[in-house]
Amino acid sequence: MRQFLLLTGSGDTWNSIGPFTGAVNTISFMLVGTVTLFFNQSWRINEKVLSAKQKHEETSAKLLELNQTLEHKVVERTEMLTSSEHKARRILNTPWIPLWSRTLFHHCRDQPGRRGTDRV
């Protein structure tokens, strides 16, 4: 700036603003440095947010897949239990099975805390 003012014949203008140019330069460099640091920190924060978002999406997709698998297993095992229950009823209601085994089965079914035979 000094060279421009001196070449154009504005030496008086330079003499009046000359003492302040060092401060303006210092403030300009500090401003550029601050913007640079702010940008770097903003960039790192942005990368962390994007990484967290990607992990969240992956976790959500995995959770959805596990939920569907669980629902499929519940349906499958319910069908197996229903089938087993029907088989047990058919066997126990057949006349050729001795009465004492049917009585034993009903006795075990009626005991509290027995799993799987409560609805038979």
PDB file of N, CA and C in Angstrom:
ATOM      1  N   MET A   1       0.825  -1.170   0.000  1.00  0.00           N
ATOM      2  CA  MET A   1       0.000   0.000   0.000  1.00  0.00           C
ATOM      3  C   MET A   1       0.887   1.257   0.000  1.00  0.00           C
ATOM      4  N   ARG A   2       1.948   1.175   0.780  1.00  0.00           N
ATOM      5  CA  ARG A   2       2.865   2.317   0.864  1.00  0.00           C
ATOM      6  C   ARG A   2       3.414   2.650  -0.516  1.00  0.00           C
ATOM      7  N   GLN A   3       3.863   1.615  -1.243  1.00  0.00           N
ATOM      8  CA  GLN A   3       4.453   1.823  -2.562  1.00  0.00           C
ATOM      9  C   GLN A   3       3.441   2.469  -3.512  1.00  0.00           C
ATOM     10  N   PHE A   4       2.219   2.021  -3.455  1.00  0.00           N
ATOM     11  CA  PHE A   4       1.181   2.560  -4.327  1.00  0.00           C
ATOM     12  C   PHE A   4       0.944   4.044  -4.035  1.00  0.00           C
ATOM     13  N   LEU A   5       0.823   4.370  -2.759  1.00  0.00           N
ATOM     14  CA  LEU A   5       0.572   5.766  -2.398  1.00  0.00           C
ATOM     15  C   LEU A   5       1.759   6.669  -2.763  1.00  0.00           C
ATOM     16  N   LEU A   6       2.972   6.182  -2.568  1.00  0.00           N
ATOM     17  CA  LEU A   6       4.147   6.995  -2.896  1.00  0.00           C
ATOM     18  C   LEU A   6       4.293   7.171  -4.403  1.00  0.00           C
ATOM     19  N   LEU A   7       3.988   6.119  -5.182  1.00  0.00           N
ATOM     20  CA  LEU A   7       4.105   6.218  -6.639  1.00  0.00           C
ATOM     21  C   LEU A   7       3.033   7.127  -7.238  1.00  0.00           C
ATOM     22  N   THR A   8       1.898   7.190  -6.614  1.00  0.00           N
ATOM     23  CA  THR A   8       0.820   8.052  -7.136  1.00  0.00           C
ATOM     24  C   THR A   8       0.926   9.481  -6.614  1.00  0.00           C
ATOM     25  N   GLY A   9       1.930   9.755  -5.812  1.00  0.00           N
ATOM     26  CA  GLY A   9       2.135  11.118  -5.317  1.00  0.00           C
ATOM     27  C   GLY A   9       1.292  11.450  -4.109  1.00  0.00           C
ATOM     28  N   SER A  10       0.824  10.449  -3.398  1.00  0.00           N
ATOM     29  CA  SER A  10       0.009  10.686  -2.202  1.00  0.00           C
ATOM     30  C   SER A  10       0.825  10.396  -0.956  1.00  0.00           C
ATOM     31  N   GLY A  11       1.981  10.978  -0.860  1.00  0.00           N
ATOM     32  CA  GLY A  11       2.865  10.777   0.291  1.00  0.00           C
ATOM     33  C   GLY A  11       2.266  11.306   1.571  1.00  0.00           C
ATOM     34  N   ASP A  12       1.498  12.401   1.470  1.00  0.00           N
ATOM     35  CA  ASP A  12       0.861  12.948   2.672  1.00  0.00           C
ATOM     36  C   ASP A  12      -0.158  11.973   3.255  1.00  0.00           C
ATOM     37  N   THR A  13      -0.868  11.285   2.371  1.00  0.00           N
ATOM     38  CA  THR A  13      -1.849  10.292   2.837  1.00  0.00           C
ATOM     39  C   THR A  13      -1.126   9.169   3.559  1.00  0.00           C
ATOM     40  N   TRP A  14       0.001   8.750   2.974  1.00  0.00           N
ATOM     41  CA  TRP A  14       0.774   7.679   3.630  1.00  0.00           C
ATOM     42  C   TRP A  14       1.281   8.125   4.985  1.00  0.00           C
ATOM     43  N   ASN A  15       1.758   9.343   5.095  1.00  0.00           N
ATOM     44  CA  ASN A  15       2.268   9.854   6.374  1.00  0.00           C
ATOM     45  C   ASN A  15       1.175   9.872   7.449  1.00  0.00           C
ATOM     46  N   SER A  16      -0.104  10.079   7.031  1.00  0.00           N
ATOM     47  CA  SER A  16      -1.170  10.128   8.028  1.00  0.00           C
ATOM     48  C   SER A  16      -1.658   8.723   8.431  1.00  0.00           C
ATOM     49  N   ILE A  17      -1.613   7.762   7.509  1.00  0.00           N
ATOM     50  CA  ILE A  17      -2.102   6.412   7.869  1.00  0.00           C
ATOM     51  C   ILE A  17      -0.967   5.439   8.183  1.00  0.00           C
ATOM     52  N   GLY A  18       0.251   5.830   7.962  1.00  0.00           N
ATOM     53  CA  GLY A  18       1.414   4.959   8.182  1.00  0.00           C
ATOM     54  C   GLY A  18       1.501   4.359   9.574  1.00  0.00           C
ATOM     55  N   PRO A  19       1.283   5.131  10.629  1.00  0.00           N
ATOM     56  CA  PRO A  19       1.398   4.565  11.978  1.00  0.00           C
ATOM     57  C   PRO A  19       0.357   3.480  12.282  1.00  0.00           C
ATOM     58  N   PHE A  20      -0.757   3.495  11.554  1.00  0.00           N
ATOM     59  CA  PHE A  20      -1.826   2.517  11.832  1.00  0.00           C
ATOM     60  C   PHE A  20      -1.736   1.241  10.994  1.00  0.00           C
ATOM     61  N   THR A  21      -0.902   1.258   9.964  1.00  0.00           N
ATOM     62  CA  THR A  21      -0.857   0.101   9.055  1.00  0.00           C
ATOM     63  C   THR A  21      -0.318  -1.149   9.730  1.00  0.00           C
ATOM     64  N   GLY A  22       0.587  -1.009  10.657  1.00  0.00           N
ATOM     65  CA  GLY A  22       1.103  -2.184  11.381  1.00  0.00           C
ATOM     66  C   GLY A  22       0.004  -2.847  12.199  1.00  0.00           C
ATOM     67  N   ALA A  23      -0.812  -2.034  12.824  1.00  0.00           N
ATOM     68  CA  ALA A  23      -1.924  -2.576  13.614  1.00  0.00           C
ATOM     69  C   ALA A  23      -2.945  -3.252  12.708  1.00  0.00           C
ATOM     70  N   VAL A  24      -3.213  -2.644  11.544  1.00  0.00           N
ATOM     71  CA  VAL A  24      -4.166  -3.240  10.590  1.00  0.00           C
ATOM     72  C   VAL A  24      -3.630  -4.576  10.093  1.00  0.00           C
ATOM     73  N   ASN A  25      -2.346  -4.649   9.803  1.00  0.00           N
ATOM     74  CA  ASN A  25      -1.741  -5.910   9.358  1.00  0.00           C
ATOM     75  C   ASN A  25      -1.843  -6.978  10.449  1.00  0.00           C
ATOM     76  N   THR A  26      -1.529  -6.588  11.667  1.00  0.00           N
ATOM     77  CA  THR A  26      -1.592  -7.531  12.783  1.00  0.00           C
ATOM     78  C   THR A  26      -3.009  -8.046  12.976  1.00  0.00           C
ATOM     79  N   ILE A  27      -3.980  -7.162  12.944  1.00  0.00           N
ATOM     80  CA  ILE A  27      -5.376  -7.563  13.113  1.00  0.00           C
ATOM     81  C   ILE A  27      -5.815  -8.464  11.953  1.00  0.00           C
ATOM     82  N   SER A  28      -5.367  -8.146  10.752  1.00  0.00           N
ATOM     83  CA  SER A  28      -5.721  -8.972   9.588  1.00  0.00           C
ATOM     84  C   SER A  28      -5.168 -10.391   9.743  1.00  0.00           C
ATOM     85  N   PHE A  29      -3.911 -10.516  10.158  1.00  0.00           N
ATOM     86  CA  PHE A  29      -3.317 -11.851  10.348  1.00  0.00           C
ATOM     87  C   PHE A  29      -4.017 -12.615  11.472  1.00  0.00           C
ATOM     88  N   MET A  30      -4.359 -11.885  12.542  1.00  0.00           N
ATOM     89  CA  MET A  30      -5.067 -12.555  13.638  1.00  0.00           C
ATOM     90  C   MET A  30      -6.440 -13.033  13.176  1.00  0.00           C
ATOM     91  N   LEU A  31      -7.119 -12.242  12.376  1.00  0.00           N
ATOM     92  CA  LEU A  31      -8.432 -12.620  11.859  1.00  0.00           C
ATOM     93  C   LEU A  31      -8.332 -13.858  10.958  1.00  0.00           C
ATOM     94  N   VAL A  32      -7.332 -13.868  10.087  1.00  0.00           N
ATOM     95  CA  VAL A  32      -7.130 -15.026   9.209  1.00  0.00           C
ATOM     96  C   VAL A  32      -6.793 -16.269  10.033  1.00  0.00           C
ATOM     97  N   GLY A  33      -5.955 -16.116  11.034  1.00  0.00           N
ATOM     98  CA  GLY A  33      -5.605 -17.253  11.903  1.00  0.00           C
ATOM     99  C   GLY A  33      -6.811 -17.777  12.669  1.00  0.00           C
ATOM    100  N   THR A  34      -7.625 -16.870  13.175  1.00  0.00           N
ATOM    101  CA  THR A  34      -8.821 -17.272  13.923  1.00  0.00           C
ATOM    102  C   THR A  34      -9.796 -18.019  13.017  1.00  0.00           C
ATOM    103  N   VAL A  35     -10.008 -17.501  11.812  1.00  0.00           N
ATOM    104  CA  VAL A  35     -10.908 -18.181  10.860  1.00  0.00           C
ATOM    105  C   VAL A  35     -10.361 -19.558  10.518  1.00  0.00           C
ATOM    106  N   THR A  36      -9.040 -19.661  10.345  1.00  0.00           N
ATOM    107  CA  THR A  36      -8.430 -20.957  10.027  1.00  0.00           C
ATOM    108  C   THR A  36      -8.637 -21.954  11.156  1.00  0.00           C
ATOM    109  N   LEU A  37      -8.395 -21.535  12.389  1.00  0.00           N
ATOM    110  CA  LEU A  37      -8.602 -22.429  13.539  1.00  0.00           C
ATOM    111  C   LEU A  37     -10.068 -22.817  13.675  1.00  0.00           C
ATOM    112  N   PHE A  38     -10.955 -21.853  13.494  1.00  0.00           N
ATOM    113  CA  PHE A  38     -12.380 -22.134  13.582  1.00  0.00           C
ATOM    114  C   PHE A  38     -12.791 -23.146  12.510  1.00  0.00           C
ATOM    115  N   PHE A  39     -12.276 -22.974  11.298  1.00  0.00           N
ATOM    116  CA  PHE A  39     -12.586 -23.901  10.214  1.00  0.00           C
ATOM    117  C   PHE A  39     -12.097 -25.302  10.541  1.00  0.00           C
ATOM    118  N   ASN A  40     -10.871 -25.415  11.059  1.00  0.00           N
ATOM    119  CA  ASN A  40     -10.334 -26.738  11.400  1.00  0.00           C
ATOM    120  C   ASN A  40     -11.178 -27.421  12.478  1.00  0.00           C
ATOM    121  N   GLN A  41     -11.548 -26.681  13.495  1.00  0.00           N
ATOM    122  CA  GLN A  41     -12.377 -27.260  14.552  1.00  0.00           C
ATOM    123  C   GLN A  41     -13.758 -27.624  14.020  1.00  0.00           C
ATOM    124  N   SER A  42     -14.318 -26.770  13.180  1.00  0.00           N
ATOM    125  CA  SER A  42     -15.623 -27.067  12.585  1.00  0.00           C
ATOM    126  C   SER A  42     -15.540 -28.303  11.700  1.00  0.00           C
ATOM    127  N   TRP A  43     -14.452 -28.452  10.985  1.00  0.00           N
ATOM    128  CA  TRP A  43     -14.269 -29.617  10.114  1.00  0.00           C
ATOM    129  C   TRP A  43     -14.194 -30.900  10.944  1.00  0.00           C
ATOM    130  N   ARG A  44     -13.442 -30.872  12.041  1.00  0.00           N
ATOM    131  CA  ARG A  44     -13.346 -32.056  12.908  1.00  0.00           C
ATOM    132  C   ARG A  44     -14.698 -32.404  13.521  1.00  0.00           C
ATOM    133  N   ILE A  45     -15.423 -31.394  13.968  1.00  0.00           N
ATOM    134  CA  ILE A  45     -16.757 -31.634  14.537  1.00  0.00           C
ATOM    135  C   ILE A  45     -17.678 -32.223  13.479  1.00  0.00           C
ATOM    136  N   ASN A  46     -17.614 -31.700  12.275  1.00  0.00           N
ATOM    137  CA  ASN A  46     -18.431 -32.208  11.183  1.00  0.00           C
ATOM    138  C   ASN A  46     -18.098 -33.674  10.881  1.00  0.00           C
ATOM    139  N   GLU A  47     -16.813 -34.007  10.883  1.00  0.00           N
ATOM    140  CA  GLU A  47     -16.409 -35.398  10.653  1.00  0.00           C
ATOM    141  C   GLU A  47     -16.942 -36.317  11.752  1.00  0.00           C
ATOM    142  N   LYS A  48     -16.894 -35.867  13.007  1.00  0.00           N
ATOM    143  CA  LYS A  48     -17.418 -36.670  14.114  1.00  0.00           C
ATOM    144  C   LYS A  48     -18.925 -36.868  13.990  1.00  0.00           C
ATOM    145  N   VAL A  49     -19.639 -35.817  13.612  1.00  0.00           N
ATOM    146  CA  VAL A  49     -21.090 -35.916  13.443  1.00  0.00           C
ATOM    147  C   VAL A  49     -21.423 -36.890  12.313  1.00  0.00           C
ATOM    148  N   LEU A  50     -20.716 -36.790  11.200  1.00  0.00           N
ATOM    149  CA  LEU A  50     -20.963 -37.702  10.082  1.00  0.00           C
ATOM    150  C   LEU A  50     -20.643 -39.145  10.459  1.00  0.00           C
ATOM    151  N   SER A  51     -19.573 -39.341  11.215  1.00  0.00           N
ATOM    152  CA  SER A  51     -19.215 -40.686  11.665  1.00  0.00           C
ATOM    153  C   SER A  51     -20.284 -41.246  12.594  1.00  0.00           C
ATOM    154  N   ALA A  52     -20.762 -40.425  13.519  1.00  0.00           N
ATOM    155  CA  ALA A  52     -21.814 -40.871  14.443  1.00  0.00           C
ATOM    156  C   ALA A  52     -23.101 -41.179  13.685  1.00  0.00           C
ATOM    157  N   LYS A  53     -23.412 -40.375  12.689  1.00  0.00           N
ATOM    158  CA  LYS A  53     -24.609 -40.607  11.879  1.00  0.00           C
ATOM    159  C   LYS A  53     -24.502 -41.935  11.132  1.00  0.00           C
ATOM    160  N   GLN A  54     -23.327 -42.213  10.566  1.00  0.00           N
ATOM    161  CA  GLN A  54     -23.121 -43.466   9.841  1.00  0.00           C
ATOM    162  C   GLN A  54     -23.234 -44.655  10.789  1.00  0.00           C
ATOM    163  N   LYS A  55     -22.645 -44.564  11.980  1.00  0.00           N
ATOM    164  CA  LYS A  55     -22.747 -45.647  12.960  1.00  0.00           C
ATOM    165  C   LYS A  55     -24.197 -45.857  13.375  1.00  0.00           C
ATOM    166  N   HIS A  56     -24.925 -44.752  13.553  1.00  0.00           N
ATOM    167  CA  HIS A  56     -26.341 -44.840  13.928  1.00  0.00           C
ATOM    168  C   HIS A  56     -27.143 -45.547  12.840  1.00  0.00           C
ATOM    169  N   GLU A  57     -26.891 -45.207  11.576  1.00  0.00           N
ATOM    170  CA  GLU A  57     -27.603 -45.848  10.470  1.00  0.00           C
ATOM    171  C   GLU A  57     -27.268 -47.337  10.400  1.00  0.00           C
ATOM    172  N   GLU A  58     -25.988 -47.682  10.585  1.00  0.00           N
ATOM    173  CA  GLU A  58     -25.591 -49.093  10.565  1.00  0.00           C
ATOM    174  C   GLU A  58     -26.246 -49.854  11.712  1.00  0.00           C
ATOM    175  N   THR A  59     -26.256 -49.244  12.897  1.00  0.00           N
ATOM    176  CA  THR A  59     -26.869 -49.882  14.062  1.00  0.00           C
ATOM    177  C   THR A  59     -28.375 -50.041  13.859  1.00  0.00           C
ATOM    178  N   SER A  60     -29.013 -49.040  13.283  1.00  0.00           N
ATOM    179  CA  SER A  60     -30.453 -49.124  13.028  1.00  0.00           C
ATOM    180  C   SER A  60     -30.764 -50.238  12.036  1.00  0.00           C
ATOM    181  N   ALA A  61     -29.951 -50.350  10.991  1.00  0.00           N
ATOM    182  CA  ALA A  61     -30.164 -51.402  10.003  1.00  0.00           C
ATOM    183  C   ALA A  61     -29.963 -52.783  10.636  1.00  0.00           C
ATOM    184  N   LYS A  62     -28.929 -52.909  11.464  1.00  0.00           N
ATOM    185  CA  LYS A  62     -28.673 -54.185  12.129  1.00  0.00           C
ATOM    186  C   LYS A  62     -29.798 -54.528  13.098  1.00  0.00           C
ATOM    187  N   LEU A  63     -30.283 -53.529  13.831  1.00  0.00           N
ATOM    188  CA  LEU A  63     -31.384 -53.738  14.768  1.00  0.00           C
ATOM    189  C   LEU A  63     -32.663 -54.148  14.034  1.00  0.00           C
ATOM    190  N   LEU A  64     -32.925 -53.536  12.899  1.00  0.00           N
ATOM    191  CA  LEU A  64     -34.094 -53.899  12.100  1.00  0.00           C
ATOM    192  C   LEU A  64     -33.983 -55.341  11.619  1.00  0.00           C
ATOM    193  N   GLU A  65     -32.796 -55.721  11.173  1.00  0.00           N
ATOM    194  CA  GLU A  65     -32.572 -57.101  10.723  1.00  0.00           C
ATOM    195  C   GLU A  65     -32.762 -58.087  11.876  1.00  0.00           C
ATOM    196  N   LEU A  66     -32.216 -57.758  13.046  1.00  0.00           N
ATOM    197  CA  LEU A  66     -32.380 -58.644  14.204  1.00  0.00           C
ATOM    198  C   LEU A  66     -33.838 -58.739  14.632  1.00  0.00           C
ATOM    199  N   ASN A  67     -34.554 -57.643  14.544  1.00  0.00           N
ATOM    200  CA  ASN A  67     -35.969 -57.637  14.902  1.00  0.00           C
ATOM    201  C   ASN A  67     -36.766 -58.542  13.955  1.00  0.00           C
ATOM    202  N   GLN A  68     -36.477 -58.463  12.665  1.00  0.00           N
ATOM    203  CA  GLN A  68     -37.164 -59.315  11.700  1.00  0.00           C
ATOM    204  C   GLN A  68     -36.819 -60.778  11.931  1.00  0.00           C
ATOM    205  N   THR A  69     -35.559 -61.052  12.243  1.00  0.00           N
ATOM    206  CA  THR A  69     -35.138 -62.427  12.530  1.00  0.00           C
ATOM    207  C   THR A  69     -35.851 -62.938  13.777  1.00  0.00           C
ATOM    208  N   LEU A  70     -35.945 -62.101  14.790  1.00  0.00           N
ATOM    209  CA  LEU A  70     -36.626 -62.493  16.019  1.00  0.00           C
ATOM    210  C   LEU A  70     -38.104 -62.774  15.765  1.00  0.00           C
ATOM    211  N   GLU A  71     -38.753 -61.925  15.002  1.00  0.00           N
ATOM    212  CA  GLU A  71     -40.165 -62.154  14.683  1.00  0.00           C
ATOM    213  C   GLU A  71     -40.343 -63.472  13.941  1.00  0.00           C
ATOM    214  N   HIS A  72     -39.436 -63.760  13.017  1.00  0.00           N
ATOM    215  CA  HIS A  72     -39.500 -65.009  12.265  1.00  0.00           C
ATOM    216  C   HIS A  72     -39.329 -66.205  13.209  1.00  0.00           C
ATOM    217  N   LYS A  73     -38.378 -66.097  14.137  1.00  0.00           N
ATOM    218  CA  LYS A  73     -38.157 -67.190  15.092  1.00  0.00           C
ATOM    219  C   LYS A  73     -39.370 -67.394  15.998  1.00  0.00           C
ATOM    220  N   VAL A  74     -39.997 -66.298  16.425  1.00  0.00           N
ATOM    221  CA  VAL A  74     -41.173 -66.413  17.286  1.00  0.00           C
ATOM    222  C   VAL A  74     -42.298 -67.125  16.548  1.00  0.00           C
ATOM    223  N   VAL A  75     -42.534 -66.745  15.310  1.00  0.00           N
ATOM    224  CA  VAL A  75     -43.582 -67.395  14.514  1.00  0.00           C
ATOM    225  C   VAL A  75     -43.255 -68.875  14.320  1.00  0.00           C
ATOM    226  N   GLU A  76     -42.004 -69.164  13.991  1.00  0.00           N
ATOM    227  CA  GLU A  76     -41.580 -70.544  13.754  1.00  0.00           C
ATOM    228  C   GLU A  76     -41.737 -71.398  15.014  1.00  0.00           C
ATOM    229  N   ARG A  77     -41.310 -70.868  16.142  1.00  0.00           N
ATOM    230  CA  ARG A  77     -41.384 -71.652  17.383  1.00  0.00           C
ATOM    231  C   ARG A  77     -42.819 -71.764  17.887  1.00  0.00           C
ATOM    232  N   THR A  78     -43.631 -70.777  17.628  1.00  0.00           N
ATOM    233  CA  THR A  78     -45.043 -70.873  17.987  1.00  0.00           C
ATOM    234  C   THR A  78     -45.710 -71.983  17.183  1.00  0.00           C
ATOM    235  N   GLU A  79     -45.377 -72.045  15.902  1.00  0.00           N
ATOM    236  CA  GLU A  79     -45.911 -73.126  15.067  1.00  0.00           C
ATOM    237  C   GLU A  79     -45.439 -74.491  15.568  1.00  0.00           C
ATOM    238  N   MET A  80     -44.165 -74.571  15.948  1.00  0.00           N
ATOM    239  CA  MET A  80     -43.637 -75.840  16.461  1.00  0.00           C
ATOM    240  C   MET A  80     -44.353 -76.224  17.756  1.00  0.00           C
ATOM    241  N   LEU A  81     -44.571 -75.254  18.635  1.00  0.00           N
ATOM    242  CA  LEU A  81     -45.243 -75.524  19.904  1.00  0.00           C
ATOM    243  C   LEU A  81     -46.687 -75.964  19.671  1.00  0.00           C
ATOM    244  N   THR A  82     -47.374 -75.297  18.761  1.00  0.00           N
ATOM    245  CA  THR A  82     -48.750 -75.670  18.442  1.00  0.00           C
ATOM    246  C   THR A  82     -48.806 -77.075  17.886  1.00  0.00           C
ATOM    247  N   SER A  83     -47.884 -77.390  16.997  1.00  0.00           N
ATOM    248  CA  SER A  83     -47.826 -78.733  16.421  1.00  0.00           C
ATOM    249  C   SER A  83     -47.556 -79.782  17.500  1.00  0.00           C
ATOM    250  N   SER A  84     -46.621 -79.482  18.372  1.00  0.00           N
ATOM    251  CA  SER A  84     -46.288 -80.409  19.454  1.00  0.00           C
ATOM    252  C   SER A  84     -47.471 -80.586  20.393  1.00  0.00           C
ATOM    253  N   GLU A  85     -48.175 -79.505  20.665  1.00  0.00           N
ATOM    254  CA  GLU A  85     -49.341 -79.570  21.542  1.00  0.00           C
ATOM    255  C   GLU A  85     -50.430 -80.453  20.917  1.00  0.00           C
ATOM    256  N   HIS A  86     -50.644 -80.301  19.615  1.00  0.00           N
ATOM    257  CA  HIS A  86     -51.645 -81.126  18.935  1.00  0.00           C
ATOM    258  C   HIS A  86     -51.253 -82.605  18.960  1.00  0.00           C
ATOM    259  N   LYS A  87     -49.970 -82.875  18.762  1.00  0.00           N
ATOM    260  CA  LYS A  87     -49.499 -84.264  18.808  1.00  0.00           C
ATOM    261  C   LYS A  87     -49.719 -84.857  20.193  1.00  0.00           C
ATOM    262  N   ALA A  88     -49.384 -84.069  21.220  1.00  0.00           N
ATOM    263  CA  ALA A  88     -49.550 -84.564  22.594  1.00  0.00           C
ATOM    264  C   ALA A  88     -51.027 -84.814  22.897  1.00  0.00           C
ATOM    265  N   ARG A  89     -51.899 -83.928  22.451  1.00  0.00           N
ATOM    266  CA  ARG A  89     -53.334 -84.139  22.679  1.00  0.00           C
ATOM    267  C   ARG A  89     -53.825 -85.391  21.963  1.00  0.00           C
ATOM    268  N   ARG A  90     -53.373 -85.590  20.726  1.00  0.00           N
ATOM    269  CA  ARG A  90     -53.787 -86.784  19.977  1.00  0.00           C
ATOM    270  C   ARG A  90     -53.323 -88.062  20.672  1.00  0.00           C
ATOM    271  N   ILE A  91     -52.077 -88.026  21.121  1.00  0.00           N
ATOM    272  CA  ILE A  91     -51.537 -89.225  21.776  1.00  0.00           C
ATOM    273  C   ILE A  91     -52.266 -89.495  23.088  1.00  0.00           C
ATOM    274  N   LEU A  92     -52.472 -88.453  23.879  1.00  0.00           N
ATOM    275  CA  LEU A  92     -53.081 -88.647  25.189  1.00  0.00           C
ATOM    276  C   LEU A  92     -54.581 -88.925  25.116  1.00  0.00           C
ATOM    277  N   ASN A  93     -55.206 -88.540  24.047  1.00  0.00           N
ATOM    278  CA  ASN A  93     -56.629 -88.803  23.906  1.00  0.00           C
ATOM    279  C   ASN A  93     -56.925 -90.115  23.179  1.00  0.00           C
ATOM    280  N   THR A  94     -55.891 -90.853  22.835  1.00  0.00           N
ATOM    281  CA  THR A  94     -56.104 -92.161  22.184  1.00  0.00           C
ATOM    282  C   THR A  94     -56.508 -93.181  23.235  1.00  0.00           C
ATOM    283  N   PRO A  95     -57.499 -94.003  22.914  1.00  0.00           N
ATOM    284  CA  PRO A  95     -57.997 -94.954  23.907  1.00  0.00           C
ATOM    285  C   PRO A  95     -56.987 -96.029  24.299  1.00  0.00           C
ATOM    286  N   TRP A  96     -56.009 -96.357  23.496  1.00  0.00           N
ATOM    287  CA  TRP A  96     -55.090 -97.443  23.818  1.00  0.00           C
ATOM    288  C   TRP A  96     -54.035 -97.043  24.835  1.00  0.00           C
ATOM    289  N   ILE A  97     -53.914 -95.724  25.164  1.00  0.00           N
ATOM    290  CA  ILE A  97     -52.956 -95.318  26.195  1.00  0.00           C
ATOM    291  C   ILE A  97     -53.586 -95.598  27.544  1.00  0.00           C
ATOM    292  N   PRO A  98     -52.844 -96.201  28.436  1.00  0.00           N
ATOM    293  CA  PRO A  98     -53.392 -96.520  29.752  1.00  0.00           C
ATOM    294  C   PRO A  98     -53.871 -95.268  30.483  1.00  0.00           C
ATOM    295  N   LEU A  99     -54.878 -95.473  31.267  1.00  0.00           N
ATOM    296  CA  LEU A  99     -55.486 -94.379  32.008  1.00  0.00           C
ATOM    297  C   LEU A  99     -54.501 -93.736  32.968  1.00  0.00           C
ATOM    298  N   TRP A 100     -53.596 -94.545  33.571  1.00  0.00           N
ATOM    299  CA  TRP A 100     -52.657 -93.979  34.545  1.00  0.00           C
ATOM    300  C   TRP A 100     -51.709 -92.979  33.897  1.00  0.00           C
ATOM    301  N   SER A 101     -51.310 -93.153  32.621  1.00  0.00           N
ATOM    302  CA  SER A 101     -50.394 -92.193  31.983  1.00  0.00           C
ATOM    303  C   SER A 101     -51.117 -90.893  31.673  1.00  0.00           C
ATOM    304  N   ARG A 102     -52.402 -90.964  31.281  1.00  0.00           N
ATOM    305  CA  ARG A 102     -53.156 -89.740  31.035  1.00  0.00           C
ATOM    306  C   ARG A 102     -53.364 -88.982  32.346  1.00  0.00           C
ATOM    307  N   THR A 103     -53.627 -89.698  33.417  1.00  0.00           N
ATOM    308  CA  THR A 103     -53.810 -89.077  34.717  1.00  0.00           C
ATOM    309  C   THR A 103     -52.514 -88.400  35.166  1.00  0.00           C
ATOM    310  N   LEU A 104     -51.378 -89.075  34.962  1.00  0.00           N
ATOM    311  CA  LEU A 104     -50.075 -88.515  35.315  1.00  0.00           C
ATOM    312  C   LEU A 104     -49.802 -87.235  34.518  1.00  0.00           C
ATOM    313  N   PHE A 105     -50.133 -87.273  33.237  1.00  0.00           N
ATOM    314  CA  PHE A 105     -49.921 -86.100  32.391  1.00  0.00           C
ATOM    315  C   PHE A 105     -50.753 -84.928  32.895  1.00  0.00           C
ATOM    316  N   HIS A 106     -52.012 -85.150  33.181  1.00  0.00           N
ATOM    317  CA  HIS A 106     -52.885 -84.081  33.662  1.00  0.00           C
ATOM    318  C   HIS A 106     -52.431 -83.589  35.035  1.00  0.00           C
ATOM    319  N   HIS A 107     -51.898 -84.499  35.866  1.00  0.00           N
ATOM    320  CA  HIS A 107     -51.384 -84.095  37.172  1.00  0.00           C
ATOM    321  C   HIS A 107     -50.175 -83.164  37.005  1.00  0.00           C
ATOM    322  N   CYS A 108     -49.262 -83.527  36.096  1.00  0.00           N
ATOM    323  CA  CYS A 108     -48.071 -82.684  35.852  1.00  0.00           C
ATOM    324  C   CYS A 108     -48.470 -81.346  35.248  1.00  0.00           C
ATOM    325  N   ARG A 109     -49.478 -81.365  34.411  1.00  0.00           N
ATOM    326  CA  ARG A 109     -49.925 -80.137  33.759  1.00  0.00           C
ATOM    327  C   ARG A 109     -50.486 -79.156  34.778  1.00  0.00           C
ATOM    328  N   ASP A 110     -51.173 -79.659  35.786  1.00  0.00           N
ATOM    329  CA  ASP A 110     -51.845 -78.803  36.752  1.00  0.00           C
ATOM    330  C   ASP A 110     -50.918 -78.259  37.828  1.00  0.00           C
ATOM    331  N   GLN A 111     -49.686 -78.710  37.893  1.00  0.00           N
ATOM    332  CA  GLN A 111     -48.753 -78.204  38.902  1.00  0.00           C
ATOM    333  C   GLN A 111     -48.276 -76.814  38.507  1.00  0.00           C
ATOM    334  N   PRO A 112     -48.239 -75.882  39.473  1.00  0.00           N
ATOM    335  CA  PRO A 112     -47.776 -74.523  39.152  1.00  0.00           C
ATOM    336  C   PRO A 112     -46.282 -74.528  38.802  1.00  0.00           C
ATOM    337  N   GLY A 113     -45.925 -73.644  37.907  1.00  0.00           N
ATOM    338  CA  GLY A 113     -44.515 -73.504  37.549  1.00  0.00           C
ATOM    339  C   GLY A 113     -44.071 -74.440  36.439  1.00  0.00           C
ATOM    340  N   ARG A 114     -44.949 -75.223  35.888  1.00  0.00           N
ATOM    341  CA  ARG A 114     -44.580 -76.123  34.790  1.00  0.00           C
ATOM    342  C   ARG A 114     -44.647 -75.339  33.490  1.00  0.00           C
ATOM    343  N   ARG A 115     -43.567 -75.319  32.761  1.00  0.00           N
ATOM    344  CA  ARG A 115     -43.520 -74.573  31.513  1.00  0.00           C
ATOM    345  C   ARG A 115     -43.875 -75.465  30.339  1.00  0.00           C
ATOM    346  N   GLY A 116     -44.621 -74.900  29.409  1.00  0.00           N
ATOM    347  CA  GLY A 116     -44.893 -75.601  28.166  1.00  0.00           C
ATOM    348  C   GLY A 116     -46.094 -76.503  28.215  1.00  0.00           C
ATOM    349  N   THR A 117     -46.583 -76.848  29.400  1.00  0.00           N
ATOM    350  CA  THR A 117     -47.735 -77.743  29.452  1.00  0.00           C
ATOM    351  C   THR A 117     -48.933 -77.031  30.078  1.00  0.00           C
ATOM    352  N   ASP A 118     -48.855 -75.741  30.325  1.00  0.00           N
ATOM    353  CA  ASP A 118     -49.927 -75.030  30.991  1.00  0.00           C
ATOM    354  C   ASP A 118     -51.191 -74.957  30.153  1.00  0.00           C
ATOM    355  N   ARG A 119     -51.043 -74.973  28.833  1.00  0.00           N
ATOM    356  CA  ARG A 119     -52.227 -74.817  27.990  1.00  0.00           C
ATOM    357  C   ARG A 119     -52.717 -76.136  27.406  1.00  0.00           C
ATOM    358  N   VAL A 120     -52.083 -77.221  27.703  1.00  0.00           N
ATOM    359  CA  VAL A 120     -52.464 -78.512  27.130  1.00  0.00           C
ATOM    360  C   VAL A 120     -53.748 -78.984  27.751  1.00  0.00           C
TER     361      VAL A 120
END
